[in-house]
Amino acid sequence: MFKLLLSWNIRPGREDECFEFLMRELGPGLVKLGVHPTDAWYTQYGGSPQVLQGGVAEDLAALRRALASEEWRRIKQKLLTYVTDYQQKIVRASGEFQL
């Protein structure tokens, strides 16, 4: 299994809208694409990204197909209206918290 790791900071004043988007669109959209959310972390203090989110796919090809899809492009574009410092990476899933 492979894991998609996403991180970002929420734009000031957009917190409520962002969290609503995460619950109503990002999470369900990832599931529809075959990426199953595994964890989400919110950093309240410190210099780390404010939000860290992970999701797994059965294999690397499935994850790459999901990220190349028009649906993912639409979801990501909307996410970028709520966040800054967006980063994503793919790693082999370990079953533990990953950065």
N, C-alpha and C. Protein backbone atom coordinates (compact mmCIF):
# COMPACT_ATOMS: atom_id res chain seq x y z
N MET A 1 0.84 -1.18 0.00
CA MET A 1 0.00 0.00 0.00
C MET A 1 0.88 1.24 0.00
N PHE A 2 0.33 2.29 -0.59
CA PHE A 2 1.03 3.56 -0.66
C PHE A 2 0.18 4.64 -0.01
N LYS A 3 0.86 5.62 0.55
CA LYS A 3 0.17 6.66 1.30
C LYS A 3 0.40 8.02 0.67
N LEU A 4 -0.66 8.78 0.55
CA LEU A 4 -0.60 10.17 0.11
C LEU A 4 -0.57 11.03 1.36
N LEU A 5 0.46 11.86 1.48
CA LEU A 5 0.59 12.78 2.60
C LEU A 5 0.36 14.19 2.10
N LEU A 6 -0.56 14.89 2.72
CA LEU A 6 -0.88 16.26 2.36
C LEU A 6 -0.62 17.15 3.58
N SER A 7 -0.12 18.35 3.35
CA SER A 7 0.04 19.30 4.45
C SER A 7 -0.22 20.71 3.94
N TRP A 8 -0.67 21.57 4.84
CA TRP A 8 -0.95 22.97 4.48
C TRP A 8 -1.19 23.79 5.74
N ASN A 9 -1.27 25.10 5.53
CA ASN A 9 -1.70 26.06 6.54
C ASN A 9 -3.00 26.68 6.03
N ILE A 10 -3.93 26.91 6.95
CA ILE A 10 -5.21 27.50 6.56
C ILE A 10 -5.07 29.02 6.50
N ARG A 11 -5.62 29.60 5.44
CA ARG A 11 -5.59 31.06 5.30
C ARG A 11 -6.36 31.69 6.47
N PRO A 12 -5.81 32.75 7.05
CA PRO A 12 -6.50 33.43 8.15
C PRO A 12 -7.91 33.85 7.73
N GLY A 13 -8.86 33.59 8.61
CA GLY A 13 -10.25 33.96 8.35
C GLY A 13 -11.02 32.95 7.52
N ARG A 14 -10.37 31.89 7.06
CA ARG A 14 -11.03 30.88 6.21
C ARG A 14 -11.21 29.54 6.93
N GLU A 15 -10.98 29.52 8.23
CA GLU A 15 -10.99 28.27 8.98
C GLU A 15 -12.31 27.51 8.87
N ASP A 16 -13.42 28.20 9.12
CA ASP A 16 -14.72 27.51 9.10
C ASP A 16 -15.03 26.96 7.71
N GLU A 17 -14.81 27.77 6.69
CA GLU A 17 -15.05 27.33 5.31
C GLU A 17 -14.15 26.15 4.95
N CYS A 18 -12.90 26.22 5.38
CA CYS A 18 -11.95 25.16 5.06
C CYS A 18 -12.37 23.84 5.70
N PHE A 19 -12.71 23.87 6.99
CA PHE A 19 -13.10 22.63 7.66
C PHE A 19 -14.38 22.06 7.06
N GLU A 20 -15.30 22.91 6.66
CA GLU A 20 -16.50 22.42 6.00
C GLU A 20 -16.15 21.74 4.67
N PHE A 21 -15.27 22.36 3.91
CA PHE A 21 -14.81 21.77 2.65
C PHE A 21 -14.13 20.42 2.88
N LEU A 22 -13.29 20.34 3.90
CA LEU A 22 -12.59 19.09 4.19
C LEU A 22 -13.57 17.96 4.48
N MET A 23 -14.60 18.26 5.25
CA MET A 23 -15.57 17.22 5.63
C MET A 23 -16.53 16.87 4.49
N ARG A 24 -16.95 17.86 3.72
CA ARG A 24 -17.98 17.63 2.71
C ARG A 24 -17.43 17.24 1.33
N GLU A 25 -16.19 17.69 1.03
CA GLU A 25 -15.69 17.45 -0.32
C GLU A 25 -14.36 16.70 -0.38
N LEU A 26 -13.37 17.17 0.38
CA LEU A 26 -12.05 16.54 0.26
C LEU A 26 -12.09 15.06 0.69
N GLY A 27 -12.57 14.79 1.89
CA GLY A 27 -12.62 13.40 2.37
C GLY A 27 -13.43 12.49 1.45
N PRO A 28 -14.69 12.84 1.18
CA PRO A 28 -15.48 11.99 0.29
C PRO A 28 -14.90 11.90 -1.13
N GLY A 29 -14.29 12.99 -1.60
CA GLY A 29 -13.68 12.97 -2.93
C GLY A 29 -12.52 12.01 -3.00
N LEU A 30 -11.69 11.99 -1.96
CA LEU A 30 -10.57 11.05 -1.92
C LEU A 30 -11.07 9.61 -1.93
N VAL A 31 -12.09 9.33 -1.13
CA VAL A 31 -12.64 7.97 -1.08
C VAL A 31 -13.15 7.56 -2.46
N LYS A 32 -13.85 8.47 -3.12
CA LYS A 32 -14.37 8.18 -4.46
C LYS A 32 -13.24 7.85 -5.44
N LEU A 33 -12.08 8.46 -5.23
CA LEU A 33 -10.93 8.23 -6.09
C LEU A 33 -10.11 7.00 -5.67
N GLY A 34 -10.51 6.33 -4.60
CA GLY A 34 -9.80 5.14 -4.15
C GLY A 34 -8.69 5.41 -3.16
N VAL A 35 -8.68 6.61 -2.58
CA VAL A 35 -7.68 6.97 -1.56
C VAL A 35 -8.45 7.07 -0.24
N HIS A 36 -8.17 6.16 0.67
CA HIS A 36 -8.94 6.07 1.91
C HIS A 36 -8.23 6.81 3.04
N PRO A 37 -8.85 7.89 3.56
CA PRO A 37 -8.22 8.67 4.63
C PRO A 37 -7.87 7.79 5.82
N THR A 38 -6.68 8.02 6.36
CA THR A 38 -6.21 7.24 7.50
C THR A 38 -5.98 8.09 8.73
N ASP A 39 -5.60 9.34 8.53
CA ASP A 39 -5.32 10.19 9.67
C ASP A 39 -5.36 11.66 9.25
N ALA A 40 -5.60 12.50 10.23
CA ALA A 40 -5.56 13.95 10.03
C ALA A 40 -5.10 14.56 11.34
N TRP A 41 -4.20 15.51 11.23
CA TRP A 41 -3.62 16.13 12.42
C TRP A 41 -3.71 17.64 12.29
N TYR A 42 -4.08 18.28 13.36
CA TYR A 42 -4.16 19.73 13.40
C TYR A 42 -3.12 20.22 14.40
N THR A 43 -2.22 21.07 13.95
CA THR A 43 -1.17 21.61 14.82
C THR A 43 -1.62 22.97 15.33
N GLN A 44 -1.77 23.08 16.63
CA GLN A 44 -2.24 24.33 17.21
C GLN A 44 -1.07 25.26 17.52
N TYR A 45 0.08 24.71 17.87
CA TYR A 45 1.25 25.52 18.24
C TYR A 45 2.47 25.00 17.52
N GLY A 46 3.41 25.88 17.24
CA GLY A 46 4.69 25.46 16.68
C GLY A 46 4.84 25.80 15.21
N GLY A 47 5.95 25.39 14.65
CA GLY A 47 6.30 25.75 13.29
C GLY A 47 5.95 24.72 12.23
N SER A 48 5.28 23.65 12.62
CA SER A 48 4.90 22.61 11.65
C SER A 48 3.72 23.09 10.81
N PRO A 49 3.47 22.41 9.68
CA PRO A 49 2.25 22.75 8.94
C PRO A 49 1.04 22.61 9.86
N GLN A 50 0.06 23.48 9.66
CA GLN A 50 -1.12 23.49 10.52
C GLN A 50 -1.94 22.21 10.38
N VAL A 51 -2.04 21.68 9.16
CA VAL A 51 -2.82 20.47 8.94
C VAL A 51 -1.96 19.44 8.21
N LEU A 52 -1.98 18.21 8.70
CA LEU A 52 -1.35 17.07 8.05
C LEU A 52 -2.45 16.04 7.84
N GLN A 53 -2.56 15.52 6.64
CA GLN A 53 -3.59 14.53 6.33
C GLN A 53 -2.99 13.41 5.51
N GLY A 54 -3.41 12.19 5.79
CA GLY A 54 -2.92 11.03 5.06
C GLY A 54 -4.05 10.15 4.57
N GLY A 55 -3.79 9.46 3.47
CA GLY A 55 -4.74 8.50 2.93
C GLY A 55 -3.99 7.44 2.15
N VAL A 56 -4.51 6.23 2.14
CA VAL A 56 -3.83 5.13 1.48
C VAL A 56 -4.60 4.64 0.25
N ALA A 57 -3.83 4.09 -0.68
CA ALA A 57 -4.38 3.45 -1.87
C ALA A 57 -3.75 2.07 -1.97
N GLU A 58 -4.42 1.18 -2.69
CA GLU A 58 -3.97 -0.21 -2.80
C GLU A 58 -2.56 -0.34 -3.38
N ASP A 59 -2.26 0.48 -4.38
CA ASP A 59 -0.93 0.40 -4.99
C ASP A 59 -0.56 1.76 -5.58
N LEU A 60 0.68 1.86 -6.01
CA LEU A 60 1.18 3.13 -6.52
C LEU A 60 0.46 3.55 -7.79
N ALA A 61 0.14 2.62 -8.66
CA ALA A 61 -0.56 2.95 -9.91
C ALA A 61 -1.93 3.55 -9.62
N ALA A 62 -2.65 2.98 -8.66
CA ALA A 62 -3.98 3.50 -8.30
C ALA A 62 -3.87 4.91 -7.74
N LEU A 63 -2.87 5.15 -6.93
CA LEU A 63 -2.68 6.48 -6.35
C LEU A 63 -2.32 7.50 -7.44
N ARG A 64 -1.46 7.11 -8.34
CA ARG A 64 -1.09 8.01 -9.44
C ARG A 64 -2.28 8.31 -10.35
N ARG A 65 -3.11 7.32 -10.61
CA ARG A 65 -4.32 7.55 -11.41
C ARG A 65 -5.24 8.54 -10.71
N ALA A 66 -5.41 8.37 -9.42
CA ALA A 66 -6.26 9.28 -8.65
C ALA A 66 -5.75 10.72 -8.74
N LEU A 67 -4.44 10.89 -8.58
CA LEU A 67 -3.86 12.24 -8.60
C LEU A 67 -3.82 12.85 -9.99
N ALA A 68 -3.92 12.03 -11.02
CA ALA A 68 -3.94 12.53 -12.40
C ALA A 68 -5.36 12.81 -12.90
N SER A 69 -6.35 12.49 -12.08
CA SER A 69 -7.75 12.61 -12.52
C SER A 69 -8.23 14.06 -12.52
N GLU A 70 -9.22 14.31 -13.34
CA GLU A 70 -9.85 15.63 -13.38
C GLU A 70 -10.54 15.93 -12.06
N GLU A 71 -11.11 14.92 -11.42
CA GLU A 71 -11.78 15.11 -10.13
C GLU A 71 -10.78 15.60 -9.08
N TRP A 72 -9.59 15.00 -9.02
CA TRP A 72 -8.58 15.45 -8.06
C TRP A 72 -8.14 16.88 -8.38
N ARG A 73 -7.96 17.20 -9.65
CA ARG A 73 -7.57 18.57 -10.01
C ARG A 73 -8.61 19.57 -9.52
N ARG A 74 -9.88 19.23 -9.64
CA ARG A 74 -10.96 20.12 -9.19
C ARG A 74 -10.92 20.28 -7.67
N ILE A 75 -10.79 19.16 -6.96
CA ILE A 75 -10.75 19.20 -5.49
C ILE A 75 -9.54 19.99 -5.01
N LYS A 76 -8.38 19.70 -5.58
CA LYS A 76 -7.15 20.39 -5.16
C LYS A 76 -7.25 21.88 -5.44
N GLN A 77 -7.76 22.26 -6.59
CA GLN A 77 -7.89 23.68 -6.92
C GLN A 77 -8.77 24.39 -5.90
N LYS A 78 -9.85 23.77 -5.49
CA LYS A 78 -10.72 24.38 -4.48
C LYS A 78 -10.02 24.43 -3.13
N LEU A 79 -9.30 23.36 -2.77
CA LEU A 79 -8.55 23.37 -1.51
C LEU A 79 -7.58 24.54 -1.47
N LEU A 80 -6.92 24.81 -2.59
CA LEU A 80 -5.92 25.88 -2.63
C LEU A 80 -6.53 27.26 -2.40
N THR A 81 -7.84 27.41 -2.52
CA THR A 81 -8.46 28.70 -2.21
C THR A 81 -8.56 28.92 -0.71
N TYR A 82 -8.44 27.86 0.07
CA TYR A 82 -8.54 27.94 1.53
C TYR A 82 -7.20 27.86 2.24
N VAL A 83 -6.14 27.44 1.54
CA VAL A 83 -4.89 27.14 2.23
C VAL A 83 -3.68 27.79 1.54
N THR A 84 -2.57 27.80 2.28
CA THR A 84 -1.27 28.21 1.75
C THR A 84 -0.27 27.10 2.08
N ASP A 85 0.90 27.19 1.50
CA ASP A 85 2.00 26.27 1.81
C ASP A 85 1.62 24.80 1.61
N TYR A 86 0.80 24.54 0.59
CA TYR A 86 0.35 23.19 0.28
C TYR A 86 1.52 22.33 -0.19
N GLN A 87 1.58 21.12 0.34
CA GLN A 87 2.57 20.15 -0.11
C GLN A 87 1.92 18.77 -0.15
N GLN A 88 2.40 17.95 -1.07
CA GLN A 88 1.94 16.56 -1.12
C GLN A 88 3.11 15.67 -1.47
N LYS A 89 3.06 14.44 -0.98
CA LYS A 89 4.06 13.46 -1.37
C LYS A 89 3.47 12.08 -1.19
N ILE A 90 4.08 11.15 -1.88
CA ILE A 90 3.67 9.75 -1.82
C ILE A 90 4.79 8.96 -1.15
N VAL A 91 4.41 8.11 -0.20
CA VAL A 91 5.36 7.25 0.49
C VAL A 91 4.77 5.85 0.58
N ARG A 92 5.61 4.89 0.80
CA ARG A 92 5.13 3.52 1.06
C ARG A 92 4.50 3.54 2.45
N ALA A 93 3.29 3.05 2.57
CA ALA A 93 2.56 3.10 3.86
C ALA A 93 3.23 2.20 4.90
N SER A 94 3.40 2.73 6.10
CA SER A 94 4.04 1.96 7.17
C SER A 94 3.07 1.55 8.26
N GLY A 95 1.86 2.13 8.27
CA GLY A 95 0.92 1.82 9.34
C GLY A 95 1.10 2.69 10.57
N GLU A 96 2.08 3.58 10.54
CA GLU A 96 2.32 4.49 11.66
C GLU A 96 2.23 5.92 11.15
N PHE A 97 2.29 6.88 12.06
CA PHE A 97 2.30 8.28 11.67
C PHE A 97 3.51 8.54 10.78
N GLN A 98 3.28 9.21 9.66
CA GLN A 98 4.36 9.44 8.70
C GLN A 98 4.41 10.92 8.33
N LEU A 99 5.60 11.40 8.04
CA LEU A 99 5.81 12.77 7.55
C LEU A 99 6.40 12.74 6.17
